[in-house]
């Protein structure tokens, strides 16, 4: 997830999140990003840390972990919602009406 401040308008933000589009998997030269149960996951044993997936992410939400230089992405674990101090992030079971999901 990435929150972009739309300055100079105070209080206006754009929220970017991983929508599991799969572009990261398409550009991976070693096919280390695998679709499993509707979620794209990085197989770190296969990943060569080239960061092509990070560059290709249309939402700019993939990150590079500082401790091991490996890419990371949302896997819908819900941890962000669990630790959000303002409860601004929630996990919803409702379908996304706009996309029919």
PDB file of N, CA and C in Angstrom:
ATOM      1  N   UNK A   1       0.842  -1.163   0.000  1.00  0.00           N
ATOM      2  CA  UNK A   1       0.000   0.000   0.000  1.00  0.00           C
ATOM      3  C   UNK A   1       0.894   1.235   0.000  1.00  0.00           C
ATOM      4  N   UNK A   2       0.451   2.231  -0.722  1.00  0.00           N
ATOM      5  CA  UNK A   2       1.174   3.499  -0.770  1.00  0.00           C
ATOM      6  C   UNK A   2       0.146   4.611  -0.731  1.00  0.00           C
ATOM      7  N   UNK A   3       0.368   5.588   0.134  1.00  0.00           N
ATOM      8  CA  UNK A   3      -0.534   6.726   0.239  1.00  0.00           C
ATOM      9  C   UNK A   3       0.193   7.950  -0.289  1.00  0.00           C
ATOM     10  N   UNK A   4      -0.417   8.580  -1.286  1.00  0.00           N
ATOM     11  CA  UNK A   4       0.180   9.736  -1.936  1.00  0.00           C
ATOM     12  C   UNK A   4      -0.571  10.993  -1.519  1.00  0.00           C
ATOM     13  N   UNK A   5       0.143  11.945  -0.954  1.00  0.00           N
ATOM     14  CA  UNK A   5      -0.458  13.220  -0.595  1.00  0.00           C
ATOM     15  C   UNK A   5      -0.644  14.080  -1.828  1.00  0.00           C
ATOM     16  N   UNK A   6      -1.850  14.583  -2.025  1.00  0.00           N
ATOM     17  CA  UNK A   6      -2.142  15.423  -3.187  1.00  0.00           C
ATOM     18  C   UNK A   6      -2.053  16.885  -2.769  1.00  0.00           C
ATOM     19  N   UNK A   7      -0.827  17.335  -2.603  1.00  0.00           N
ATOM     20  CA  UNK A   7      -0.588  18.686  -2.121  1.00  0.00           C
ATOM     21  C   UNK A   7      -0.675  19.671  -3.274  1.00  0.00           C
ATOM     22  N   UNK A   8      -1.055  20.908  -3.043  1.00  0.00           N
ATOM     23  CA  UNK A   8      -1.142  21.570  -1.745  1.00  0.00           C
ATOM     24  C   UNK A   8      -2.489  21.433  -1.043  1.00  0.00           C
ATOM     25  N   UNK A   9      -3.394  20.637  -1.577  1.00  0.00           N
ATOM     26  CA  UNK A   9      -4.703  20.469  -0.947  1.00  0.00           C
ATOM     27  C   UNK A   9      -4.570  19.680   0.352  1.00  0.00           C
ATOM     28  N   UNK A  10      -4.743  20.325   1.503  1.00  0.00           N
ATOM     29  CA  UNK A  10      -4.599  19.588   2.774  1.00  0.00           C
ATOM     30  C   UNK A  10      -5.701  18.540   2.936  1.00  0.00           C
ATOM     31  N   UNK A  11      -5.295  17.383   3.397  1.00  0.00           N
ATOM     32  CA  UNK A  11      -6.264  16.322   3.667  1.00  0.00           C
ATOM     33  C   UNK A  11      -6.705  15.529   2.451  1.00  0.00           C
ATOM     34  N   UNK A  12      -6.095  15.747   1.302  1.00  0.00           N
ATOM     35  CA  UNK A  12      -6.456  14.996   0.104  1.00  0.00           C
ATOM     36  C   UNK A  12      -5.345  14.002  -0.219  1.00  0.00           C
ATOM     37  N   UNK A  13      -5.737  12.746  -0.344  1.00  0.00           N
ATOM     38  CA  UNK A  13      -4.773  11.675  -0.555  1.00  0.00           C
ATOM     39  C   UNK A  13      -5.280  10.713  -1.612  1.00  0.00           C
ATOM     40  N   UNK A  14      -4.357  10.054  -2.272  1.00  0.00           N
ATOM     41  CA  UNK A  14      -4.667   8.979  -3.211  1.00  0.00           C
ATOM     42  C   UNK A  14      -4.081   7.704  -2.623  1.00  0.00           C
ATOM     43  N   UNK A  15      -4.894   6.685  -2.484  1.00  0.00           N
ATOM     44  CA  UNK A  15      -4.440   5.421  -1.917  1.00  0.00           C
ATOM     45  C   UNK A  15      -4.169   4.449  -3.064  1.00  0.00           C
ATOM     46  N   UNK A  16      -2.965   3.898  -3.072  1.00  0.00           N
ATOM     47  CA  UNK A  16      -2.574   2.917  -4.080  1.00  0.00           C
ATOM     48  C   UNK A  16      -2.390   1.577  -3.367  1.00  0.00           C
ATOM     49  N   UNK A  17      -2.893   0.510  -3.973  1.00  0.00           N
ATOM     50  CA  UNK A  17      -2.768  -0.807  -3.358  1.00  0.00           C
ATOM     51  C   UNK A  17      -2.614  -1.866  -4.436  1.00  0.00           C
ATOM     52  N   UNK A  18      -2.100  -3.003  -4.025  1.00  0.00           N
ATOM     53  CA  UNK A  18      -1.933  -4.115  -4.951  1.00  0.00           C
ATOM     54  C   UNK A  18      -3.301  -4.712  -5.274  1.00  0.00           C
ATOM     55  N   UNK A  19      -3.661  -4.709  -6.551  1.00  0.00           N
ATOM     56  CA  UNK A  19      -4.940  -5.285  -6.959  1.00  0.00           C
ATOM     57  C   UNK A  19      -4.769  -6.664  -7.598  1.00  0.00           C
ATOM     58  N   UNK A  20      -3.591  -7.258  -7.391  1.00  0.00           N
ATOM     59  CA  UNK A  20      -3.287  -8.602  -7.884  1.00  0.00           C
ATOM     60  C   UNK A  20      -3.459  -8.688  -9.402  1.00  0.00           C
ATOM     61  N   UNK A  21      -2.987  -7.654 -10.115  1.00  0.00           N
ATOM     62  CA  UNK A  21      -3.151  -7.596 -11.572  1.00  0.00           C
ATOM     63  C   UNK A  21      -2.277  -8.607 -12.312  1.00  0.00           C
ATOM     64  N   UNK A  22      -1.131  -8.978 -11.732  1.00  0.00           N
ATOM     65  CA  UNK A  22      -0.271  -9.977 -12.340  1.00  0.00           C
ATOM     66  C   UNK A  22       0.802  -9.450 -13.269  1.00  0.00           C
ATOM     67  N   UNK A  23       0.891  -8.144 -13.435  1.00  0.00           N
ATOM     68  CA  UNK A  23       1.930  -7.589 -14.301  1.00  0.00           C
ATOM     69  C   UNK A  23       3.316  -7.947 -13.772  1.00  0.00           C
ATOM     70  N   UNK A  24       3.470  -7.975 -12.464  1.00  0.00           N
ATOM     71  CA  UNK A  24       4.758  -8.351 -11.868  1.00  0.00           C
ATOM     72  C   UNK A  24       5.162  -9.752 -12.321  1.00  0.00           C
ATOM     73  N   UNK A  25       4.209 -10.663 -12.353  1.00  0.00           N
ATOM     74  CA  UNK A  25       4.495 -12.032 -12.777  1.00  0.00           C
ATOM     75  C   UNK A  25       4.836 -12.088 -14.262  1.00  0.00           C
ATOM     76  N   UNK A  26       4.174 -11.264 -15.060  1.00  0.00           N
ATOM     77  CA  UNK A  26       4.423 -11.253 -16.502  1.00  0.00           C
ATOM     78  C   UNK A  26       5.841 -10.827 -16.834  1.00  0.00           C
ATOM     79  N   UNK A  27       6.405  -9.896 -16.068  1.00  0.00           N
ATOM     80  CA  UNK A  27       7.742  -9.380 -16.392  1.00  0.00           C
ATOM     81  C   UNK A  27       8.877 -10.138 -15.712  1.00  0.00           C
ATOM     82  N   UNK A  28       8.572 -11.016 -14.787  1.00  0.00           N
ATOM     83  CA  UNK A  28       9.611 -11.727 -14.059  1.00  0.00           C
ATOM     84  C   UNK A  28      10.376 -12.660 -15.012  1.00  0.00           C
ATOM     85  N   UNK A  29      11.691 -12.438 -15.174  1.00  0.00           N
ATOM     86  CA  UNK A  29      12.460 -13.239 -16.138  1.00  0.00           C
ATOM     87  C   UNK A  29      12.667 -14.687 -15.711  1.00  0.00           C
ATOM     88  N   UNK A  30      12.472 -15.006 -14.441  1.00  0.00           N
ATOM     89  CA  UNK A  30      12.687 -16.378 -13.980  1.00  0.00           C
ATOM     90  C   UNK A  30      11.389 -17.022 -13.472  1.00  0.00           C
ATOM     91  N   UNK A  31      10.254 -16.366 -13.723  1.00  0.00           N
ATOM     92  CA  UNK A  31       8.934 -16.866 -13.332  1.00  0.00           C
ATOM     93  C   UNK A  31       8.856 -17.180 -11.837  1.00  0.00           C
ATOM     94  N   UNK A  32       9.414 -16.268 -11.023  1.00  0.00           N
ATOM     95  CA  UNK A  32       9.431 -16.467  -9.575  1.00  0.00           C
ATOM     96  C   UNK A  32       8.174 -15.944  -8.887  1.00  0.00           C
ATOM     97  N   UNK A  33       7.272 -15.331  -9.631  1.00  0.00           N
ATOM     98  CA  UNK A  33       6.023 -14.840  -9.050  1.00  0.00           C
ATOM     99  C   UNK A  33       4.910 -15.743  -9.546  1.00  0.00           C
ATOM    100  N   UNK A  34       4.274 -16.418  -8.607  1.00  0.00           N
ATOM    101  CA  UNK A  34       3.320 -17.462  -8.930  1.00  0.00           C
ATOM    102  C   UNK A  34       1.925 -17.099  -8.441  1.00  0.00           C
ATOM    103  N   UNK A  35       0.918 -17.433  -9.244  1.00  0.00           N
ATOM    104  CA  UNK A  35      -0.475 -17.225  -8.866  1.00  0.00           C
ATOM    105  C   UNK A  35      -0.968 -18.451  -8.111  1.00  0.00           C
ATOM    106  N   UNK A  36      -1.422 -18.230  -6.893  1.00  0.00           N
ATOM    107  CA  UNK A  36      -1.941 -19.327  -6.078  1.00  0.00           C
ATOM    108  C   UNK A  36      -3.163 -18.820  -5.331  1.00  0.00           C
ATOM    109  N   UNK A  37      -4.300 -19.437  -5.560  1.00  0.00           N
ATOM    110  CA  UNK A  37      -5.560 -19.062  -4.926  1.00  0.00           C
ATOM    111  C   UNK A  37      -5.899 -17.589  -5.154  1.00  0.00           C
ATOM    112  N   UNK A  38      -5.626 -17.081  -6.363  1.00  0.00           N
ATOM    113  CA  UNK A  38      -5.963 -15.714  -6.718  1.00  0.00           C
ATOM    114  C   UNK A  38      -5.002 -14.654  -6.215  1.00  0.00           C
ATOM    115  N   UNK A  39      -3.875 -15.074  -5.630  1.00  0.00           N
ATOM    116  CA  UNK A  39      -2.901 -14.138  -5.070  1.00  0.00           C
ATOM    117  C   UNK A  39      -1.544 -14.415  -5.703  1.00  0.00           C
ATOM    118  N   UNK A  40      -0.901 -13.356  -6.178  1.00  0.00           N
ATOM    119  CA  UNK A  40       0.446 -13.491  -6.720  1.00  0.00           C
ATOM    120  C   UNK A  40       1.438 -13.443  -5.570  1.00  0.00           C
ATOM    121  N   UNK A  41       2.280 -14.463  -5.496  1.00  0.00           N
ATOM    122  CA  UNK A  41       3.271 -14.578  -4.429  1.00  0.00           C
ATOM    123  C   UNK A  41       4.662 -14.726  -5.027  1.00  0.00           C
ATOM    124  N   UNK A  42       5.644 -14.138  -4.337  1.00  0.00           N
ATOM    125  CA  UNK A  42       7.032 -14.220  -4.787  1.00  0.00           C
ATOM    126  C   UNK A  42       7.688 -15.444  -4.160  1.00  0.00           C
ATOM    127  N   UNK A  43       8.219 -16.307  -4.991  1.00  0.00           N
ATOM    128  CA  UNK A  43       8.981 -17.459  -4.526  1.00  0.00           C
ATOM    129  C   UNK A  43      10.421 -16.982  -4.359  1.00  0.00           C
ATOM    130  N   UNK A  44      10.819 -16.690  -3.132  1.00  0.00           N
ATOM    131  CA  UNK A  44      12.142 -16.117  -2.878  1.00  0.00           C
ATOM    132  C   UNK A  44      13.276 -17.075  -3.208  1.00  0.00           C
ATOM    133  N   UNK A  45      13.010 -18.357  -3.257  1.00  0.00           N
ATOM    134  CA  UNK A  45      14.051 -19.316  -3.635  1.00  0.00           C
ATOM    135  C   UNK A  45      14.379 -19.212  -5.123  1.00  0.00           C
ATOM    136  N   UNK A  46      13.394 -18.827  -5.920  1.00  0.00           N
ATOM    137  CA  UNK A  46      13.588 -18.696  -7.366  1.00  0.00           C
ATOM    138  C   UNK A  46      13.962 -17.268  -7.776  1.00  0.00           C
ATOM    139  N   UNK A  47      13.597 -16.280  -6.960  1.00  0.00           N
ATOM    140  CA  UNK A  47      13.807 -14.865  -7.281  1.00  0.00           C
ATOM    141  C   UNK A  47      15.300 -14.530  -7.344  1.00  0.00           C
ATOM    142  N   UNK A  48      15.685 -13.764  -8.368  1.00  0.00           N
ATOM    143  CA  UNK A  48      17.081 -13.341  -8.513  1.00  0.00           C
ATOM    144  C   UNK A  48      17.273 -11.871  -8.114  1.00  0.00           C
ATOM    145  N   UNK A  49      16.254 -11.257  -7.545  1.00  0.00           N
ATOM    146  CA  UNK A  49      16.288  -9.874  -7.060  1.00  0.00           C
ATOM    147  C   UNK A  49      16.700  -8.883  -8.147  1.00  0.00           C
ATOM    148  N   UNK A  50      16.173  -9.071  -9.344  1.00  0.00           N
ATOM    149  CA  UNK A  50      16.473  -8.146 -10.442  1.00  0.00           C
ATOM    150  C   UNK A  50      15.628  -6.878 -10.353  1.00  0.00           C
ATOM    151  N   UNK A  51      14.531  -6.940  -9.624  1.00  0.00           N
ATOM    152  CA  UNK A  51      13.613  -5.827  -9.362  1.00  0.00           C
ATOM    153  C   UNK A  51      12.825  -5.379 -10.587  1.00  0.00           C
ATOM    154  N   UNK A  52      12.769  -6.218 -11.622  1.00  0.00           N
ATOM    155  CA  UNK A  52      11.938  -5.909 -12.794  1.00  0.00           C
ATOM    156  C   UNK A  52      10.475  -5.764 -12.384  1.00  0.00           C
ATOM    157  N   UNK A  53      10.039  -6.577 -11.450  1.00  0.00           N
ATOM    158  CA  UNK A  53       8.653  -6.536 -10.987  1.00  0.00           C
ATOM    159  C   UNK A  53       8.339  -5.220 -10.272  1.00  0.00           C
ATOM    160  N   UNK A  54       9.299  -4.735  -9.505  1.00  0.00           N
ATOM    161  CA  UNK A  54       9.117  -3.472  -8.777  1.00  0.00           C
ATOM    162  C   UNK A  54       8.948  -2.329  -9.771  1.00  0.00           C
ATOM    163  N   UNK A  55       9.785  -2.313 -10.799  1.00  0.00           N
ATOM    164  CA  UNK A  55       9.718  -1.265 -11.820  1.00  0.00           C
ATOM    165  C   UNK A  55       8.423  -1.336 -12.626  1.00  0.00           C
ATOM    166  N   UNK A  56       7.911  -2.540 -12.872  1.00  0.00           N
ATOM    167  CA  UNK A  56       6.737  -2.723 -13.724  1.00  0.00           C
ATOM    168  C   UNK A  56       5.412  -2.510 -13.008  1.00  0.00           C
ATOM    169  N   UNK A  57       5.403  -2.514 -11.699  1.00  0.00           N
ATOM    170  CA  UNK A  57       4.147  -2.416 -10.945  1.00  0.00           C
ATOM    171  C   UNK A  57       3.405  -1.126 -11.299  1.00  0.00           C
ATOM    172  N   UNK A  58       2.206  -1.229 -11.884  1.00  0.00           N
ATOM    173  CA  UNK A  58       1.479  -0.026 -12.296  1.00  0.00           C
ATOM    174  C   UNK A  58       0.992   0.827 -11.115  1.00  0.00           C
ATOM    175  N   UNK A  59       0.900   0.244  -9.948  1.00  0.00           N
ATOM    176  CA  UNK A  59       0.467   0.982  -8.761  1.00  0.00           C
ATOM    177  C   UNK A  59       1.647   1.495  -7.931  1.00  0.00           C
ATOM    178  N   UNK A  60       2.859   1.104  -8.298  1.00  0.00           N
ATOM    179  CA  UNK A  60       4.085   1.458  -7.555  1.00  0.00           C
ATOM    180  C   UNK A  60       3.980   1.069  -6.082  1.00  0.00           C
ATOM    181  N   UNK A  61       3.483  -0.144  -5.838  1.00  0.00           N
ATOM    182  CA  UNK A  61       3.316  -0.602  -4.458  1.00  0.00           C
ATOM    183  C   UNK A  61       4.211  -1.775  -4.089  1.00  0.00           C
ATOM    184  N   UNK A  62       4.965  -2.300  -5.044  1.00  0.00           N
ATOM    185  CA  UNK A  62       5.938  -3.329  -4.693  1.00  0.00           C
ATOM    186  C   UNK A  62       7.137  -2.631  -4.083  1.00  0.00           C
ATOM    187  N   UNK A  63       7.740  -3.260  -3.097  1.00  0.00           N
ATOM    188  CA  UNK A  63       8.872  -2.658  -2.399  1.00  0.00           C
ATOM    189  C   UNK A  63      10.084  -3.575  -2.480  1.00  0.00           C
ATOM    190  N   UNK A  64      11.229  -3.020  -2.116  1.00  0.00           N
ATOM    191  CA  UNK A  64      12.451  -3.808  -1.983  1.00  0.00           C
ATOM    192  C   UNK A  64      12.792  -3.846  -0.505  1.00  0.00           C
ATOM    193  N   UNK A  65      12.853  -5.047   0.046  1.00  0.00           N
ATOM    194  CA  UNK A  65      13.156  -5.193   1.470  1.00  0.00           C
ATOM    195  C   UNK A  65      14.620  -4.853   1.715  1.00  0.00           C
ATOM    196  N   UNK A  66      14.862  -3.972   2.662  1.00  0.00           N
ATOM    197  CA  UNK A  66      16.219  -3.519   2.956  1.00  0.00           C
ATOM    198  C   UNK A  66      17.126  -4.594   3.497  1.00  0.00           C
ATOM    199  N   UNK A  67      16.575  -5.526   4.252  1.00  0.00           N
ATOM    200  CA  UNK A  67      17.432  -6.523   4.894  1.00  0.00           C
ATOM    201  C   UNK A  67      18.014  -7.554   3.939  1.00  0.00           C
ATOM    202  N   UNK A  68      17.333  -7.825   2.818  1.00  0.00           N
ATOM    203  CA  UNK A  68      17.878  -8.832   1.905  1.00  0.00           C
ATOM    204  C   UNK A  68      17.754  -8.456   0.422  1.00  0.00           C
ATOM    205  N   UNK A  69      17.342  -7.231   0.118  1.00  0.00           N
ATOM    206  CA  UNK A  69      17.255  -6.715  -1.243  1.00  0.00           C
ATOM    207  C   UNK A  69      16.226  -7.451  -2.099  1.00  0.00           C
ATOM    208  N   UNK A  70      15.333  -8.206  -1.479  1.00  0.00           N
ATOM    209  CA  UNK A  70      14.320  -8.948  -2.222  1.00  0.00           C
ATOM    210  C   UNK A  70      13.063  -8.103  -2.394  1.00  0.00           C
ATOM    211  N   UNK A  71      12.351  -8.286  -3.518  1.00  0.00           N
ATOM    212  CA  UNK A  71      11.087  -7.582  -3.693  1.00  0.00           C
ATOM    213  C   UNK A  71      10.024  -8.174  -2.772  1.00  0.00           C
ATOM    214  N   UNK A  72       9.034  -7.363  -2.459  1.00  0.00           N
ATOM    215  CA  UNK A  72       7.919  -7.826  -1.630  1.00  0.00           C
ATOM    216  C   UNK A  72       6.649  -7.156  -2.128  1.00  0.00           C
ATOM    217  N   UNK A  73       5.533  -7.835  -1.943  1.00  0.00           N
ATOM    218  CA  UNK A  73       4.245  -7.303  -2.376  1.00  0.00           C
ATOM    219  C   UNK A  73       3.144  -7.799  -1.456  1.00  0.00           C
ATOM    220  N   UNK A  74       2.007  -7.177  -1.569  1.00  0.00           N
ATOM    221  CA  UNK A  74       0.851  -7.570  -0.769  1.00  0.00           C
ATOM    222  C   UNK A  74       0.410  -8.986  -1.138  1.00  0.00           C
ATOM    223  N   UNK A  75       0.141  -9.783  -0.105  1.00  0.00           N
ATOM    224  CA  UNK A  75      -0.395 -11.133  -0.319  1.00  0.00           C
ATOM    225  C   UNK A  75      -1.743 -11.280   0.391  1.00  0.00           C
ATOM    226  N   UNK A  76      -2.377 -10.148   0.673  1.00  0.00           N
ATOM    227  CA  UNK A  76      -3.710 -10.100   1.290  1.00  0.00           C
ATOM    228  C   UNK A  76      -3.750 -10.796   2.648  1.00  0.00           C
ATOM    229  N   UNK A  77      -2.678 -10.626   3.431  1.00  0.00           N
ATOM    230  CA  UNK A  77      -2.623 -11.278   4.745  1.00  0.00           C
ATOM    231  C   UNK A  77      -3.428 -10.526   5.810  1.00  0.00           C
ATOM    232  N   UNK A  78      -3.670  -9.228   5.598  1.00  0.00           N
ATOM    233  CA  UNK A  78      -4.444  -8.434   6.553  1.00  0.00           C
ATOM    234  C   UNK A  78      -3.637  -7.803   7.665  1.00  0.00           C
ATOM    235  N   UNK A  79      -2.329  -7.997   7.665  1.00  0.00           N
ATOM    236  CA  UNK A  79      -1.488  -7.449   8.733  1.00  0.00           C
ATOM    237  C   UNK A  79      -1.552  -5.923   8.781  1.00  0.00           C
ATOM    238  N   UNK A  80      -1.660  -5.274   7.620  1.00  0.00           N
ATOM    239  CA  UNK A  80      -1.731  -3.809   7.591  1.00  0.00           C
ATOM    240  C   UNK A  80      -2.963  -3.319   8.344  1.00  0.00           C
ATOM    241  N   UNK A  81      -4.093  -4.014   8.179  1.00  0.00           N
ATOM    242  CA  UNK A  81      -5.317  -3.639   8.887  1.00  0.00           C
ATOM    243  C   UNK A  81      -5.176  -3.885  10.388  1.00  0.00           C
ATOM    244  N   UNK A  82      -4.482  -4.941  10.744  1.00  0.00           N
ATOM    245  CA  UNK A  82      -4.322  -5.281  12.162  1.00  0.00           C
ATOM    246  C   UNK A  82      -3.473  -4.251  12.906  1.00  0.00           C
ATOM    247  N   UNK A  83      -2.507  -3.645  12.224  1.00  0.00           N
ATOM    248  CA  UNK A  83      -1.609  -2.716  12.909  1.00  0.00           C
ATOM    249  C   UNK A  83      -1.939  -1.241  12.674  1.00  0.00           C
ATOM    250  N   UNK A  84      -2.919  -0.936  11.850  1.00  0.00           N
ATOM    251  CA  UNK A  84      -3.257   0.457  11.557  1.00  0.00           C
ATOM    252  C   UNK A  84      -3.798   1.136  12.818  1.00  0.00           C
ATOM    253  N   UNK A  85      -3.091   2.148  13.341  1.00  0.00           N
ATOM    254  CA  UNK A  85      -3.493   2.760  14.609  1.00  0.00           C
ATOM    255  C   UNK A  85      -4.805   3.544  14.531  1.00  0.00           C
ATOM    256  N   UNK A  86      -5.221   3.945  13.355  1.00  0.00           N
ATOM    257  CA  UNK A  86      -6.459   4.719  13.205  1.00  0.00           C
ATOM    258  C   UNK A  86      -7.619   3.874  12.681  1.00  0.00           C
ATOM    259  N   UNK A  87      -7.370   2.588  12.498  1.00  0.00           N
ATOM    260  CA  UNK A  87      -8.375   1.675  11.948  1.00  0.00           C
ATOM    261  C   UNK A  87      -8.908   2.176  10.609  1.00  0.00           C
ATOM    262  N   UNK A  88      -8.020   2.811   9.840  1.00  0.00           N
ATOM    263  CA  UNK A  88      -8.395   3.327   8.530  1.00  0.00           C
ATOM    264  C   UNK A  88      -8.392   2.236   7.472  1.00  0.00           C
ATOM    265  N   UNK A  89      -7.746   1.113   7.772  1.00  0.00           N
ATOM    266  CA  UNK A  89      -7.696  -0.012   6.847  1.00  0.00           C
ATOM    267  C   UNK A  89      -8.556  -1.121   7.421  1.00  0.00           C
ATOM    268  N   UNK A  90      -9.476  -1.615   6.630  1.00  0.00           N
ATOM    269  CA  UNK A  90     -10.330  -2.711   7.083  1.00  0.00           C
ATOM    270  C   UNK A  90     -10.297  -3.836   6.053  1.00  0.00           C
ATOM    271  N   UNK A  91     -10.547  -5.030   6.520  1.00  0.00           N
ATOM    272  CA  UNK A  91     -10.661  -6.184   5.637  1.00  0.00           C
ATOM    273  C   UNK A  91     -12.148  -6.399   5.392  1.00  0.00           C
ATOM    274  N   UNK A  92     -12.543  -6.371   4.139  1.00  0.00           N
ATOM    275  CA  UNK A  92     -13.953  -6.500   3.784  1.00  0.00           C
ATOM    276  C   UNK A  92     -14.181  -7.805   3.035  1.00  0.00           C
ATOM    277  N   UNK A  93     -15.257  -8.450   3.321  1.00  0.00           N
ATOM    278  CA  UNK A  93     -15.642  -9.667   2.604  1.00  0.00           C
ATOM    279  C   UNK A  93     -16.591  -9.344   1.457  1.00  0.00           C
ATOM    280  N   UNK A  94     -16.985  -8.063   1.331  1.00  0.00           N
ATOM    281  CA  UNK A  94     -17.919  -7.657   0.290  1.00  0.00           C
ATOM    282  C   UNK A  94     -17.236  -7.665  -1.068  1.00  0.00           C
ATOM    283  N   UNK A  95     -18.016  -7.898  -2.110  1.00  0.00           N
ATOM    284  CA  UNK A  95     -17.502  -7.887  -3.467  1.00  0.00           C
ATOM    285  C   UNK A  95     -17.251  -6.454  -3.894  1.00  0.00           C
ATOM    286  N   UNK A  96     -16.259  -6.275  -4.747  1.00  0.00           N
ATOM    287  CA  UNK A  96     -15.977  -4.977  -5.328  1.00  0.00           C
ATOM    288  C   UNK A  96     -16.985  -4.782  -6.463  1.00  0.00           C
ATOM    289  N   UNK A  97     -17.952  -3.927  -6.241  1.00  0.00           N
ATOM    290  CA  UNK A  97     -19.025  -3.719  -7.199  1.00  0.00           C
ATOM    291  C   UNK A  97     -18.506  -3.177  -8.520  1.00  0.00           C
ATOM    292  N   UNK A  98     -17.526  -2.275  -8.456  1.00  0.00           N
ATOM    293  CA  UNK A  98     -17.001  -1.651  -9.668  1.00  0.00           C
ATOM    294  C   UNK A  98     -16.339  -2.659 -10.592  1.00  0.00           C
ATOM    295  N   UNK A  99     -15.711  -3.687 -10.045  1.00  0.00           N
ATOM    296  CA  UNK A  99     -15.013  -4.648 -10.869  1.00  0.00           C
ATOM    297  C   UNK A  99     -15.700  -6.007 -10.919  1.00  0.00           C
ATOM    298  N   UNK A 100     -16.791  -6.166 -10.188  1.00  0.00           N
ATOM    299  CA  UNK A 100     -17.505  -7.425 -10.179  1.00  0.00           C
ATOM    300  C   UNK A 100     -16.796  -8.526  -9.448  1.00  0.00           C
ATOM    301  N   UNK A 101     -15.875  -8.165  -8.557  1.00  0.00           N
ATOM    302  CA  UNK A 101     -15.102  -9.165  -7.829  1.00  0.00           C
ATOM    303  C   UNK A 101     -15.698  -9.420  -6.468  1.00  0.00           C
TER     304      UNK A 101
END
